[in-house]
């Protein structure tokens, strides 16, 4: 008696169908993601609250040498406090002590950065040597009001109020960063969150609790009163 031949079923058809379906699905997802990236508006960049802070590359002094830094590479998980100063500004001279006190209170949770500008005002003619002396409280100039030194050349930088500062000082004596940040004058303060978004701008008091200064703002953002 003849043997019935076993029926041979085609192999792999279901697997091929599943593979093809997976490839189609992956392609659709990729197209959707690319379309979303192209359609989504870019993040606003600027000094205004809610915007991504303008990035910059500049030389910075940390107590020994000047080295190039990029703002966005300084983000380390803490809040960022950016303070614009001019070594010849009388108000900045007085702010030296307040900065020392705030740094002592918040340094574990806030990264301090001073951006040093040279305002286009008579008697304001700063230099890197003057910036170093202002930061470190070392001798530069005298008290003879002869244009040599800090405070519009009226004071020896070593007499600045407050302790020597130990944080980063950025050289913007050309005022290029100041222009990107719409600097209205000095001293001027801005706070960024840990990802670089502006969360407090001194020029927008209408967004803050009445009478709030930068010290109160830092305390508020860190969960204080």
N, C-alpha and C. Protein backbone atom coordinates (compact mmCIF):
# COMPACT_ATOMS: atom_id res chain seq x y z
N UNK A 1 0.85 -1.18 0.00
CA UNK A 1 0.00 0.00 0.00
C UNK A 1 0.88 1.23 0.00
N UNK A 2 0.47 2.18 -0.86
CA UNK A 2 1.31 3.39 -0.99
C UNK A 2 1.23 4.23 0.27
N UNK A 3 2.36 4.80 0.66
CA UNK A 3 2.39 5.69 1.84
C UNK A 3 1.93 7.09 1.48
N UNK A 4 1.08 7.63 2.35
CA UNK A 4 0.63 8.99 2.12
C UNK A 4 1.74 9.96 2.52
N UNK A 5 2.04 10.81 1.61
CA UNK A 5 3.09 11.78 1.92
C UNK A 5 2.59 12.83 2.91
N UNK A 6 3.49 13.12 3.85
CA UNK A 6 3.12 14.17 4.83
C UNK A 6 3.05 15.52 4.14
N UNK A 7 2.06 16.31 4.53
CA UNK A 7 1.91 17.65 3.94
C UNK A 7 2.95 18.59 4.53
N UNK A 8 3.60 19.25 3.65
CA UNK A 8 4.65 20.18 4.10
C UNK A 8 4.06 21.60 4.16
N UNK A 9 4.04 22.19 5.36
CA UNK A 9 3.52 23.54 5.53
C UNK A 9 4.63 24.55 5.31
N UNK A 10 4.32 25.64 4.68
CA UNK A 10 5.34 26.69 4.51
C UNK A 10 5.76 27.22 5.87
N UNK A 11 7.05 27.39 6.03
CA UNK A 11 7.61 27.85 7.31
C UNK A 11 7.92 29.35 7.25
N UNK A 12 7.73 30.03 8.38
CA UNK A 12 8.20 31.41 8.53
C UNK A 12 7.25 32.48 8.03
N UNK A 13 6.09 32.09 7.50
CA UNK A 13 5.18 33.11 6.98
C UNK A 13 4.71 34.05 8.08
N UNK A 14 4.27 33.48 9.21
CA UNK A 14 3.81 34.33 10.31
C UNK A 14 4.93 35.22 10.83
N UNK A 15 6.13 34.63 10.92
CA UNK A 15 7.25 35.42 11.41
C UNK A 15 7.57 36.59 10.48
N UNK A 16 7.49 36.34 9.17
CA UNK A 16 7.75 37.40 8.20
C UNK A 16 6.73 38.52 8.33
N UNK A 17 5.47 38.13 8.53
CA UNK A 17 4.41 39.13 8.66
C UNK A 17 4.64 39.99 9.90
N UNK A 18 4.99 39.30 11.01
CA UNK A 18 5.24 40.07 12.24
C UNK A 18 6.43 41.00 12.10
N UNK A 19 7.49 40.53 11.43
CA UNK A 19 8.66 41.36 11.23
C UNK A 19 8.34 42.59 10.40
N UNK A 20 7.58 42.36 9.32
CA UNK A 20 7.21 43.47 8.47
C UNK A 20 6.35 44.49 9.21
N UNK A 21 5.41 44.00 10.03
CA UNK A 21 4.56 44.90 10.80
C UNK A 21 5.37 45.72 11.78
N UNK A 22 6.37 45.07 12.42
CA UNK A 22 7.22 45.78 13.37
C UNK A 22 8.03 46.87 12.70
N UNK A 23 8.53 46.55 11.49
CA UNK A 23 9.32 47.54 10.76
C UNK A 23 8.46 48.74 10.36
N UNK A 24 7.23 48.46 9.94
CA UNK A 24 6.32 49.55 9.56
C UNK A 24 6.00 50.43 10.76
N UNK A 25 5.72 49.77 11.90
CA UNK A 25 5.41 50.53 13.12
C UNK A 25 6.58 51.42 13.54
N UNK A 26 7.79 50.84 13.51
CA UNK A 26 8.98 51.61 13.89
C UNK A 26 9.17 52.80 12.96
N UNK A 27 8.91 52.59 11.67
CA UNK A 27 9.06 53.68 10.71
C UNK A 27 8.07 54.80 10.97
N UNK A 28 6.82 54.41 11.27
CA UNK A 28 5.79 55.42 11.56
C UNK A 28 6.17 56.23 12.80
N UNK A 29 6.62 55.54 13.86
CA UNK A 29 7.01 56.23 15.10
C UNK A 29 8.16 57.20 14.83
N UNK A 30 9.14 56.77 14.04
CA UNK A 30 10.28 57.64 13.72
C UNK A 30 9.82 58.89 12.99
N UNK A 31 8.93 58.71 12.00
CA UNK A 31 8.41 59.86 11.25
C UNK A 31 7.68 60.82 12.16
N UNK A 32 6.87 60.29 13.08
CA UNK A 32 6.12 61.14 14.01
C UNK A 32 7.06 61.93 14.90
N UNK A 33 8.11 61.26 15.40
CA UNK A 33 9.07 61.94 16.27
C UNK A 33 9.79 63.06 15.53
N UNK A 34 10.22 62.77 14.30
CA UNK A 34 10.91 63.80 13.53
C UNK A 34 9.98 64.97 13.23
N UNK A 35 8.73 64.67 12.88
CA UNK A 35 7.76 65.73 12.60
C UNK A 35 7.53 66.59 13.84
N UNK A 36 7.45 65.94 14.99
CA UNK A 36 7.23 66.69 16.24
C UNK A 36 8.39 67.65 16.52
N UNK A 37 9.60 67.17 16.25
CA UNK A 37 10.78 68.01 16.48
C UNK A 37 10.79 69.20 15.53
N UNK A 38 10.34 68.98 14.29
CA UNK A 38 10.34 70.05 13.31
C UNK A 38 9.22 71.05 13.57
N UNK A 39 8.10 70.55 14.05
CA UNK A 39 6.94 71.42 14.27
C UNK A 39 7.05 72.18 15.58
N UNK A 40 7.60 71.54 16.64
CA UNK A 40 7.66 72.17 17.97
C UNK A 40 8.52 73.43 17.92
N UNK A 41 8.04 74.54 18.47
CA UNK A 41 8.83 75.77 18.45
C UNK A 41 10.05 75.64 19.34
N UNK A 42 11.17 76.26 18.96
CA UNK A 42 12.36 76.21 19.81
C UNK A 42 12.12 76.97 21.11
N UNK A 43 12.87 76.61 22.14
CA UNK A 43 12.73 77.30 23.43
C UNK A 43 13.16 78.75 23.28
N UNK A 44 12.43 79.65 23.93
CA UNK A 44 12.80 81.07 23.93
C UNK A 44 14.13 81.23 24.65
N UNK A 45 15.00 82.04 24.10
CA UNK A 45 16.29 82.34 24.73
C UNK A 45 16.35 83.82 25.04
N UNK A 46 16.65 84.16 26.26
CA UNK A 46 16.72 85.56 26.66
C UNK A 46 16.81 85.67 28.17
N UNK A 47 16.98 86.89 28.68
CA UNK A 47 17.10 87.08 30.12
C UNK A 47 15.77 87.14 30.86
N UNK A 48 14.65 87.08 30.13
CA UNK A 48 13.35 87.20 30.78
C UNK A 48 13.00 85.92 31.54
N UNK A 49 12.24 86.06 32.59
CA UNK A 49 11.82 84.91 33.37
C UNK A 49 11.03 83.93 32.49
N UNK A 50 11.37 82.65 32.62
CA UNK A 50 10.73 81.62 31.82
C UNK A 50 11.50 81.27 30.56
N UNK A 51 12.49 82.08 30.20
CA UNK A 51 13.30 81.82 29.01
C UNK A 51 14.58 81.09 29.39
N UNK A 52 15.16 80.43 28.39
CA UNK A 52 16.46 79.80 28.58
C UNK A 52 17.52 80.90 28.57
N UNK A 53 18.37 80.91 29.58
CA UNK A 53 19.37 81.96 29.71
C UNK A 53 20.31 81.97 28.51
N UNK A 54 20.66 83.15 27.99
CA UNK A 54 21.63 83.21 26.89
C UNK A 54 22.96 82.59 27.31
N UNK A 55 23.43 81.65 26.54
CA UNK A 55 24.70 81.01 26.85
C UNK A 55 25.84 81.96 26.46
N UNK A 56 26.99 81.77 27.05
CA UNK A 56 28.15 82.56 26.66
C UNK A 56 29.43 81.78 26.90
N UNK A 57 30.46 82.14 26.16
CA UNK A 57 31.80 81.61 26.35
C UNK A 57 32.71 82.81 26.63
N UNK A 58 33.46 82.75 27.73
CA UNK A 58 34.31 83.87 28.10
C UNK A 58 35.41 83.39 29.03
N UNK A 59 36.41 84.22 29.23
CA UNK A 59 37.47 83.90 30.19
C UNK A 59 36.97 84.21 31.59
N UNK A 60 37.35 83.35 32.54
CA UNK A 60 36.91 83.52 33.91
C UNK A 60 38.07 83.34 34.87
N UNK A 61 38.00 84.06 35.98
CA UNK A 61 39.04 84.04 37.01
C UNK A 61 38.50 83.36 38.25
N UNK A 62 39.24 82.38 38.74
CA UNK A 62 38.80 81.64 39.93
C UNK A 62 39.79 81.73 41.08
N UNK A 63 40.72 82.67 40.98
CA UNK A 63 41.64 82.88 42.09
C UNK A 63 43.09 82.64 41.76
N UNK A 64 43.36 81.99 40.63
CA UNK A 64 44.76 81.75 40.26
C UNK A 64 45.02 82.12 38.81
N UNK A 65 44.19 81.62 37.91
CA UNK A 65 44.39 81.88 36.49
C UNK A 65 43.06 82.25 35.83
N UNK A 66 43.18 82.73 34.60
CA UNK A 66 42.02 82.97 33.76
C UNK A 66 41.88 81.80 32.79
N UNK A 67 40.70 81.22 32.75
CA UNK A 67 40.45 80.09 31.86
C UNK A 67 39.10 80.27 31.17
N UNK A 68 39.00 79.76 29.94
CA UNK A 68 37.76 79.88 29.20
C UNK A 68 36.68 78.99 29.80
N UNK A 69 35.49 79.53 29.94
CA UNK A 69 34.36 78.77 30.46
C UNK A 69 33.15 79.00 29.57
N UNK A 70 32.24 78.04 29.59
CA UNK A 70 30.94 78.19 28.95
C UNK A 70 29.89 78.13 30.04
N UNK A 71 28.99 79.08 30.05
CA UNK A 71 27.98 79.14 31.11
C UNK A 71 27.25 77.82 31.27
N UNK A 72 26.76 77.25 30.18
CA UNK A 72 25.95 76.03 30.27
C UNK A 72 26.73 74.84 30.82
N UNK A 73 28.06 74.90 30.76
CA UNK A 73 28.86 73.81 31.31
C UNK A 73 29.13 73.98 32.80
N UNK A 74 28.67 75.10 33.36
CA UNK A 74 28.83 75.34 34.80
C UNK A 74 27.62 74.86 35.59
N UNK A 75 26.56 74.45 34.90
CA UNK A 75 25.37 73.95 35.59
C UNK A 75 25.73 72.64 36.28
N UNK A 76 25.49 72.57 37.58
CA UNK A 76 25.92 71.39 38.34
C UNK A 76 24.84 70.85 39.27
N UNK A 77 23.58 71.19 38.97
CA UNK A 77 22.48 70.69 39.79
C UNK A 77 22.00 71.69 40.82
N UNK A 78 22.78 72.75 41.04
CA UNK A 78 22.37 73.80 41.97
C UNK A 78 21.69 74.94 41.21
N UNK A 79 21.03 75.84 41.94
CA UNK A 79 20.59 77.08 41.33
C UNK A 79 21.83 77.87 40.91
N UNK A 80 21.65 78.74 39.92
CA UNK A 80 22.74 79.58 39.44
C UNK A 80 22.39 81.03 39.73
N UNK A 81 23.24 81.71 40.47
CA UNK A 81 23.04 83.14 40.75
C UNK A 81 24.07 83.93 39.96
N UNK A 82 23.60 84.72 38.99
CA UNK A 82 24.48 85.54 38.17
C UNK A 82 24.33 86.99 38.60
N UNK A 83 25.46 87.59 38.93
CA UNK A 83 25.48 88.97 39.42
C UNK A 83 26.41 89.79 38.54
N UNK A 84 25.86 90.82 37.89
CA UNK A 84 26.66 91.72 37.05
C UNK A 84 27.20 92.85 37.91
N UNK A 85 28.52 93.06 37.84
CA UNK A 85 29.17 94.10 38.63
C UNK A 85 30.14 94.90 37.77
N UNK A 86 30.44 96.11 38.24
CA UNK A 86 31.47 96.97 37.65
C UNK A 86 32.35 97.40 38.82
N UNK A 87 33.65 97.16 38.72
CA UNK A 87 34.54 97.47 39.84
C UNK A 87 34.56 98.96 40.19
N UNK A 88 34.13 99.81 39.26
CA UNK A 88 34.13 101.26 39.53
C UNK A 88 32.77 101.77 39.98
N UNK A 89 31.78 100.88 40.09
CA UNK A 89 30.43 101.25 40.49
C UNK A 89 30.34 101.35 42.02
N UNK A 90 29.96 102.52 42.57
CA UNK A 90 29.86 102.66 44.03
C UNK A 90 28.89 101.68 44.66
N UNK A 91 27.77 101.39 43.98
CA UNK A 91 26.79 100.45 44.52
C UNK A 91 27.36 99.02 44.53
N UNK A 92 28.16 98.69 43.52
CA UNK A 92 28.78 97.37 43.47
C UNK A 92 29.81 97.23 44.59
N UNK A 93 30.49 98.32 44.91
CA UNK A 93 31.46 98.33 46.01
C UNK A 93 30.76 97.94 47.30
N UNK A 94 29.62 98.53 47.57
CA UNK A 94 28.88 98.23 48.79
C UNK A 94 28.29 96.82 48.74
N UNK A 95 27.96 96.34 47.57
CA UNK A 95 27.35 95.01 47.44
C UNK A 95 28.33 93.89 47.74
N UNK A 96 29.63 94.21 47.75
CA UNK A 96 30.63 93.19 48.03
C UNK A 96 30.37 92.45 49.32
N UNK A 97 29.95 93.18 50.36
CA UNK A 97 29.70 92.55 51.66
C UNK A 97 28.44 91.69 51.62
N UNK A 98 27.39 92.18 50.96
CA UNK A 98 26.15 91.40 50.86
C UNK A 98 26.39 90.10 50.10
N UNK A 99 27.22 90.15 49.07
CA UNK A 99 27.54 88.94 48.32
C UNK A 99 28.27 87.93 49.20
N UNK A 100 29.19 88.41 50.01
CA UNK A 100 29.90 87.52 50.93
C UNK A 100 28.94 86.81 51.87
N UNK A 101 27.97 87.57 52.40
CA UNK A 101 27.00 87.00 53.33
C UNK A 101 26.08 85.99 52.65
N UNK A 102 25.63 86.33 51.44
CA UNK A 102 24.75 85.40 50.72
C UNK A 102 25.48 84.12 50.34
N UNK A 103 26.72 84.26 49.92
CA UNK A 103 27.49 83.07 49.55
C UNK A 103 27.66 82.15 50.74
N UNK A 104 27.93 82.71 51.88
CA UNK A 104 28.08 81.89 53.09
C UNK A 104 26.78 81.16 53.42
N UNK A 105 25.66 81.82 53.18
CA UNK A 105 24.36 81.23 53.53
C UNK A 105 23.89 80.19 52.51
N UNK A 106 24.21 80.39 51.22
CA UNK A 106 23.59 79.58 50.16
C UNK A 106 24.56 78.75 49.33
N UNK A 107 25.84 78.78 49.61
CA UNK A 107 26.83 78.17 48.71
C UNK A 107 26.62 76.69 48.45
N UNK A 108 26.01 75.96 49.37
CA UNK A 108 25.79 74.53 49.16
C UNK A 108 24.71 74.26 48.11
N UNK A 109 23.80 75.22 47.93
CA UNK A 109 22.66 75.02 47.05
C UNK A 109 22.65 75.96 45.85
N UNK A 110 23.56 76.91 45.83
CA UNK A 110 23.57 77.92 44.77
C UNK A 110 24.99 78.11 44.25
N UNK A 111 25.14 78.11 42.95
CA UNK A 111 26.44 78.43 42.34
C UNK A 111 26.47 79.92 42.01
N UNK A 112 27.47 80.61 42.53
CA UNK A 112 27.60 82.05 42.32
C UNK A 112 28.52 82.32 41.12
N UNK A 113 28.10 83.25 40.27
CA UNK A 113 28.91 83.69 39.13
C UNK A 113 28.79 85.21 39.03
N UNK A 114 29.91 85.90 39.08
CA UNK A 114 29.91 87.34 38.85
C UNK A 114 30.38 87.61 37.43
N UNK A 115 29.61 88.39 36.70
CA UNK A 115 30.00 88.83 35.36
C UNK A 115 30.45 90.28 35.47
N UNK A 116 31.71 90.52 35.19
CA UNK A 116 32.31 91.84 35.42
C UNK A 116 32.30 92.66 34.14
N UNK A 117 31.59 93.79 34.18
CA UNK A 117 31.45 94.66 33.01
C UNK A 117 32.18 95.97 33.28
N UNK A 118 32.24 96.80 32.24
CA UNK A 118 32.82 98.13 32.39
C UNK A 118 31.85 99.11 31.73
N UNK A 119 31.03 99.73 32.55
CA UNK A 119 29.99 100.62 32.03
C UNK A 119 30.60 101.80 31.28
N UNK A 120 29.88 102.23 30.25
CA UNK A 120 30.37 103.35 29.45
C UNK A 120 30.00 104.67 30.13
N UNK A 121 30.65 104.87 31.29
CA UNK A 121 30.43 106.06 32.11
C UNK A 121 31.80 106.65 32.44
N UNK A 122 31.87 107.95 32.51
CA UNK A 122 33.12 108.61 32.85
C UNK A 122 33.65 108.10 34.19
N UNK A 123 34.92 107.74 34.23
CA UNK A 123 35.53 107.22 35.45
C UNK A 123 35.45 105.72 35.59
N UNK A 124 34.75 105.06 34.66
CA UNK A 124 34.63 103.60 34.69
C UNK A 124 35.57 103.03 33.62
N UNK A 125 36.70 102.57 34.05
CA UNK A 125 37.71 102.04 33.13
C UNK A 125 38.40 100.87 33.82
N UNK A 126 37.72 99.73 33.87
CA UNK A 126 38.23 98.59 34.61
C UNK A 126 39.24 97.81 33.78
N UNK A 127 39.88 96.84 34.43
CA UNK A 127 40.86 95.98 33.78
C UNK A 127 40.84 94.63 34.49
N UNK A 128 41.48 93.64 33.90
CA UNK A 128 41.54 92.33 34.55
C UNK A 128 42.26 92.43 35.89
N UNK A 129 43.31 93.23 35.95
CA UNK A 129 44.04 93.38 37.21
C UNK A 129 43.13 93.96 38.29
N UNK A 130 42.29 94.90 37.90
CA UNK A 130 41.36 95.51 38.86
C UNK A 130 40.29 94.51 39.28
N UNK A 131 39.81 93.71 38.32
CA UNK A 131 38.82 92.67 38.64
C UNK A 131 39.40 91.67 39.63
N UNK A 132 40.62 91.24 39.40
CA UNK A 132 41.27 90.31 40.32
C UNK A 132 41.38 90.90 41.72
N UNK A 133 41.79 92.17 41.79
CA UNK A 133 41.95 92.82 43.10
C UNK A 133 40.61 93.00 43.80
N UNK A 134 39.56 93.32 43.04
CA UNK A 134 38.22 93.48 43.62
C UNK A 134 37.76 92.15 44.20
N UNK A 135 37.93 91.06 43.44
CA UNK A 135 37.50 89.75 43.91
C UNK A 135 38.27 89.30 45.13
N UNK A 136 39.61 89.41 45.05
CA UNK A 136 40.48 88.86 46.09
C UNK A 136 40.73 89.81 47.26
N UNK A 137 40.27 91.06 47.11
CA UNK A 137 40.55 92.11 48.12
C UNK A 137 42.06 92.28 48.31
N UNK A 138 42.75 92.52 47.21
CA UNK A 138 44.19 92.77 47.25
C UNK A 138 44.45 94.21 46.83
N UNK A 139 45.63 94.69 47.11
CA UNK A 139 45.96 96.09 46.88
C UNK A 139 45.98 96.44 45.40
N UNK A 140 45.20 97.44 45.05
CA UNK A 140 45.20 97.97 43.69
C UNK A 140 44.68 99.39 43.76
N UNK A 141 45.55 100.36 43.45
CA UNK A 141 45.16 101.76 43.56
C UNK A 141 45.36 102.29 44.96
N UNK A 142 44.82 103.46 45.20
CA UNK A 142 44.95 104.10 46.50
C UNK A 142 43.68 104.89 46.80
N UNK A 143 43.73 105.73 47.81
CA UNK A 143 42.55 106.50 48.21
C UNK A 143 42.71 107.99 47.88
N UNK A 144 43.45 108.27 46.82
CA UNK A 144 43.75 109.66 46.49
C UNK A 144 42.81 110.25 45.44
N UNK A 145 41.77 109.48 45.05
CA UNK A 145 40.82 109.95 44.04
C UNK A 145 41.54 110.42 42.78
N UNK A 146 42.50 109.62 42.35
CA UNK A 146 43.30 109.96 41.18
C UNK A 146 43.01 109.07 39.98
N UNK A 147 41.91 108.32 40.05
CA UNK A 147 41.53 107.46 38.94
C UNK A 147 42.19 106.10 38.94
N UNK A 148 42.99 105.82 39.96
CA UNK A 148 43.70 104.54 40.01
C UNK A 148 43.11 103.69 41.12
N UNK A 149 42.42 102.63 40.78
CA UNK A 149 41.82 101.76 41.78
C UNK A 149 40.35 101.52 41.53
N UNK A 150 39.67 100.90 42.50
CA UNK A 150 38.24 100.62 42.40
C UNK A 150 37.43 101.87 42.76
N UNK A 151 36.10 101.73 42.67
CA UNK A 151 35.19 102.82 43.07
C UNK A 151 35.50 104.09 42.28
N UNK A 152 35.50 103.96 40.93
CA UNK A 152 35.85 105.07 40.03
C UNK A 152 37.22 105.65 40.34
N UNK A 153 38.13 104.77 40.73
CA UNK A 153 39.49 105.20 40.98
C UNK A 153 39.70 105.97 42.26
N UNK A 154 38.76 105.85 43.20
CA UNK A 154 38.86 106.60 44.45
C UNK A 154 39.33 105.76 45.63
N UNK A 155 39.30 104.42 45.47
CA UNK A 155 39.61 103.59 46.63
C UNK A 155 40.55 102.44 46.23
N UNK A 156 41.36 102.03 47.19
CA UNK A 156 42.16 100.83 47.03
C UNK A 156 41.23 99.62 47.08
N UNK A 157 41.34 98.74 46.10
CA UNK A 157 40.43 97.58 46.02
C UNK A 157 40.50 96.69 47.26
N UNK A 158 41.64 96.74 47.97
CA UNK A 158 41.80 95.90 49.16
C UNK A 158 40.83 96.30 50.27
N UNK A 159 40.25 97.49 50.17
CA UNK A 159 39.34 97.98 51.22
C UNK A 159 37.88 97.70 50.90
N UNK A 160 37.62 96.94 49.85
CA UNK A 160 36.23 96.61 49.52
C UNK A 160 35.52 95.96 50.69
N UNK A 161 34.28 96.35 50.99
CA UNK A 161 33.53 95.69 52.07
C UNK A 161 33.35 94.19 51.81
N UNK A 162 33.25 93.43 52.88
CA UNK A 162 33.04 91.99 52.77
C UNK A 162 34.35 91.23 52.72
N UNK A 163 34.22 89.91 52.66
CA UNK A 163 35.38 89.03 52.61
C UNK A 163 35.87 88.88 51.17
N UNK A 164 37.08 88.35 50.98
CA UNK A 164 37.49 87.97 49.62
C UNK A 164 36.47 86.99 49.04
N UNK A 165 36.18 87.13 47.78
CA UNK A 165 35.23 86.24 47.13
C UNK A 165 35.95 85.02 46.58
N UNK A 166 35.30 83.89 46.62
CA UNK A 166 35.96 82.63 46.24
C UNK A 166 35.32 81.98 45.02
N UNK A 167 34.39 82.65 44.39
CA UNK A 167 33.67 82.04 43.27
C UNK A 167 34.13 82.65 41.94
N UNK A 168 33.51 82.19 40.86
CA UNK A 168 33.93 82.54 39.50
C UNK A 168 33.59 83.98 39.15
N UNK A 169 34.59 84.67 38.60
CA UNK A 169 34.42 86.02 38.06
C UNK A 169 34.67 85.95 36.55
N UNK A 170 33.68 86.36 35.76
CA UNK A 170 33.76 86.28 34.31
C UNK A 170 34.12 87.64 33.72
N UNK A 171 35.05 87.65 32.76
CA UNK A 171 35.47 88.87 32.09
C UNK A 171 34.48 89.24 30.99
N UNK A 172 33.73 90.33 31.22
CA UNK A 172 32.90 90.90 30.17
C UNK A 172 33.17 92.40 30.07
N UNK A 173 34.43 92.76 30.12
CA UNK A 173 34.80 94.18 30.06
C UNK A 173 34.47 94.78 28.70
N UNK A 174 34.24 93.92 27.72
CA UNK A 174 33.80 94.40 26.40
C UNK A 174 32.29 94.63 26.36
N UNK A 175 31.59 94.17 27.40
CA UNK A 175 30.13 94.31 27.53
C UNK A 175 29.34 93.51 26.48
N UNK A 176 29.94 92.49 25.90
CA UNK A 176 29.23 91.69 24.91
C UNK A 176 28.16 90.82 25.55
N UNK A 177 28.48 90.22 26.70
CA UNK A 177 27.48 89.42 27.43
C UNK A 177 26.37 90.34 27.93
N UNK A 178 26.76 91.48 28.45
CA UNK A 178 25.78 92.44 28.98
C UNK A 178 24.73 92.80 27.94
N UNK A 179 25.14 92.94 26.70
CA UNK A 179 24.19 93.30 25.64
C UNK A 179 23.20 92.17 25.41
N UNK A 180 23.68 90.94 25.40
CA UNK A 180 22.78 89.80 25.20
C UNK A 180 21.79 89.65 26.35
N UNK A 181 22.20 90.14 27.53
CA UNK A 181 21.36 90.01 28.71
C UNK A 181 20.57 91.29 29.01
N UNK A 182 20.58 92.25 28.09
CA UNK A 182 19.84 93.51 28.25
C UNK A 182 20.14 94.17 29.59
N UNK A 183 21.42 94.26 29.93
CA UNK A 183 21.82 94.79 31.23
C UNK A 183 21.39 96.25 31.37
N UNK A 184 20.56 96.57 32.39
CA UNK A 184 20.11 97.96 32.58
C UNK A 184 21.08 98.80 33.39
N UNK A 185 21.99 98.17 34.11
CA UNK A 185 22.94 98.86 34.99
C UNK A 185 23.53 97.87 35.96
N UNK A 186 24.31 98.39 36.90
CA UNK A 186 24.93 97.51 37.91
C UNK A 186 24.71 98.08 39.31
N UNK A 187 24.66 97.22 40.32
CA UNK A 187 24.67 95.75 40.25
C UNK A 187 23.33 95.23 39.74
N UNK A 188 23.37 94.05 39.14
CA UNK A 188 22.16 93.47 38.56
C UNK A 188 22.18 91.97 38.77
N UNK A 189 21.06 91.41 39.20
CA UNK A 189 21.00 89.99 39.59
C UNK A 189 19.96 89.20 38.80
N UNK A 190 20.33 87.95 38.48
CA UNK A 190 19.44 87.01 37.80
C UNK A 190 19.66 85.64 38.44
N UNK A 191 18.59 84.88 38.61
CA UNK A 191 18.68 83.52 39.14
C UNK A 191 18.19 82.55 38.08
N UNK A 192 18.96 81.47 37.87
CA UNK A 192 18.57 80.41 36.95
C UNK A 192 18.29 79.14 37.74
N UNK A 193 17.41 78.29 37.19
CA UNK A 193 17.26 76.98 37.81
C UNK A 193 18.41 76.08 37.35
N UNK A 194 18.42 74.85 37.80
CA UNK A 194 19.57 73.97 37.53
C UNK A 194 19.73 73.61 36.06
N UNK A 195 18.71 73.86 35.25
CA UNK A 195 18.80 73.56 33.81
C UNK A 195 19.05 74.80 32.97
N UNK A 196 19.18 75.96 33.62
CA UNK A 196 19.52 77.18 32.90
C UNK A 196 18.35 78.06 32.51
N UNK A 197 17.18 77.79 33.05
CA UNK A 197 16.01 78.63 32.78
C UNK A 197 15.98 79.78 33.78
N UNK A 198 15.70 80.98 33.29
CA UNK A 198 15.64 82.15 34.16
C UNK A 198 14.38 82.07 35.02
N UNK A 199 14.56 82.09 36.34
CA UNK A 199 13.40 82.01 37.25
C UNK A 199 13.24 83.29 38.06
N UNK A 200 14.22 84.19 38.01
CA UNK A 200 14.10 85.47 38.73
C UNK A 200 15.00 86.49 38.05
N UNK A 201 14.41 87.60 37.68
CA UNK A 201 15.14 88.68 37.03
C UNK A 201 14.84 89.97 37.79
N UNK A 202 15.88 90.63 38.24
CA UNK A 202 15.73 91.84 39.04
C UNK A 202 14.88 92.90 38.34
N UNK A 203 14.88 92.87 37.00
CA UNK A 203 14.14 93.88 36.23
C UNK A 203 12.66 93.56 36.08
N UNK A 204 12.19 92.46 36.69
CA UNK A 204 10.79 92.08 36.58
C UNK A 204 10.13 91.97 37.97
N UNK A 205 10.17 93.05 38.75
CA UNK A 205 9.63 92.98 40.12
C UNK A 205 8.14 92.72 40.17
N UNK A 206 7.44 92.99 39.07
CA UNK A 206 6.00 92.76 39.05
C UNK A 206 5.67 91.27 39.18
N UNK A 207 6.65 90.41 38.95
CA UNK A 207 6.44 88.96 39.06
C UNK A 207 6.81 88.41 40.43
N UNK A 208 7.31 89.27 41.31
CA UNK A 208 7.85 88.80 42.59
C UNK A 208 6.99 89.29 43.75
N UNK A 209 7.08 88.62 44.89
CA UNK A 209 6.43 89.15 46.09
C UNK A 209 6.91 90.58 46.36
N UNK A 210 6.05 91.39 46.87
CA UNK A 210 6.36 92.81 47.10
C UNK A 210 7.63 92.99 47.92
N UNK A 211 8.55 93.80 47.39
CA UNK A 211 9.77 94.14 48.12
C UNK A 211 10.83 93.05 48.13
N UNK A 212 10.64 91.98 47.37
CA UNK A 212 11.59 90.87 47.42
C UNK A 212 12.92 91.24 46.77
N UNK A 213 14.02 91.03 47.49
CA UNK A 213 15.35 91.20 46.91
C UNK A 213 15.91 89.83 46.56
N UNK A 214 17.12 89.81 46.01
CA UNK A 214 17.66 88.54 45.52
C UNK A 214 17.91 87.55 46.65
N UNK A 215 18.30 88.04 47.83
CA UNK A 215 18.51 87.14 48.97
C UNK A 215 17.22 86.47 49.39
N UNK A 216 16.13 87.24 49.44
CA UNK A 216 14.82 86.67 49.78
C UNK A 216 14.37 85.68 48.71
N UNK A 217 14.68 86.00 47.45
CA UNK A 217 14.27 85.11 46.36
C UNK A 217 15.00 83.78 46.45
N UNK A 218 16.30 83.81 46.72
CA UNK A 218 17.03 82.55 46.85
C UNK A 218 16.47 81.71 47.99
N UNK A 219 16.17 82.35 49.12
CA UNK A 219 15.58 81.63 50.25
C UNK A 219 14.24 81.02 49.87
N UNK A 220 13.44 81.78 49.10
CA UNK A 220 12.12 81.27 48.68
C UNK A 220 12.27 80.06 47.76
N UNK A 221 13.15 80.15 46.79
CA UNK A 221 13.33 79.03 45.87
C UNK A 221 13.89 77.79 46.55
N UNK A 222 14.61 78.01 47.62
CA UNK A 222 15.20 76.88 48.34
C UNK A 222 14.30 76.36 49.45
N UNK A 223 13.08 76.90 49.52
CA UNK A 223 12.11 76.38 50.47
C UNK A 223 12.08 77.11 51.79
N UNK A 224 12.78 78.26 51.85
CA UNK A 224 12.73 79.05 53.09
C UNK A 224 11.54 79.97 53.09
N UNK A 225 11.55 80.91 54.01
CA UNK A 225 10.45 81.86 54.11
C UNK A 225 10.64 83.03 53.15
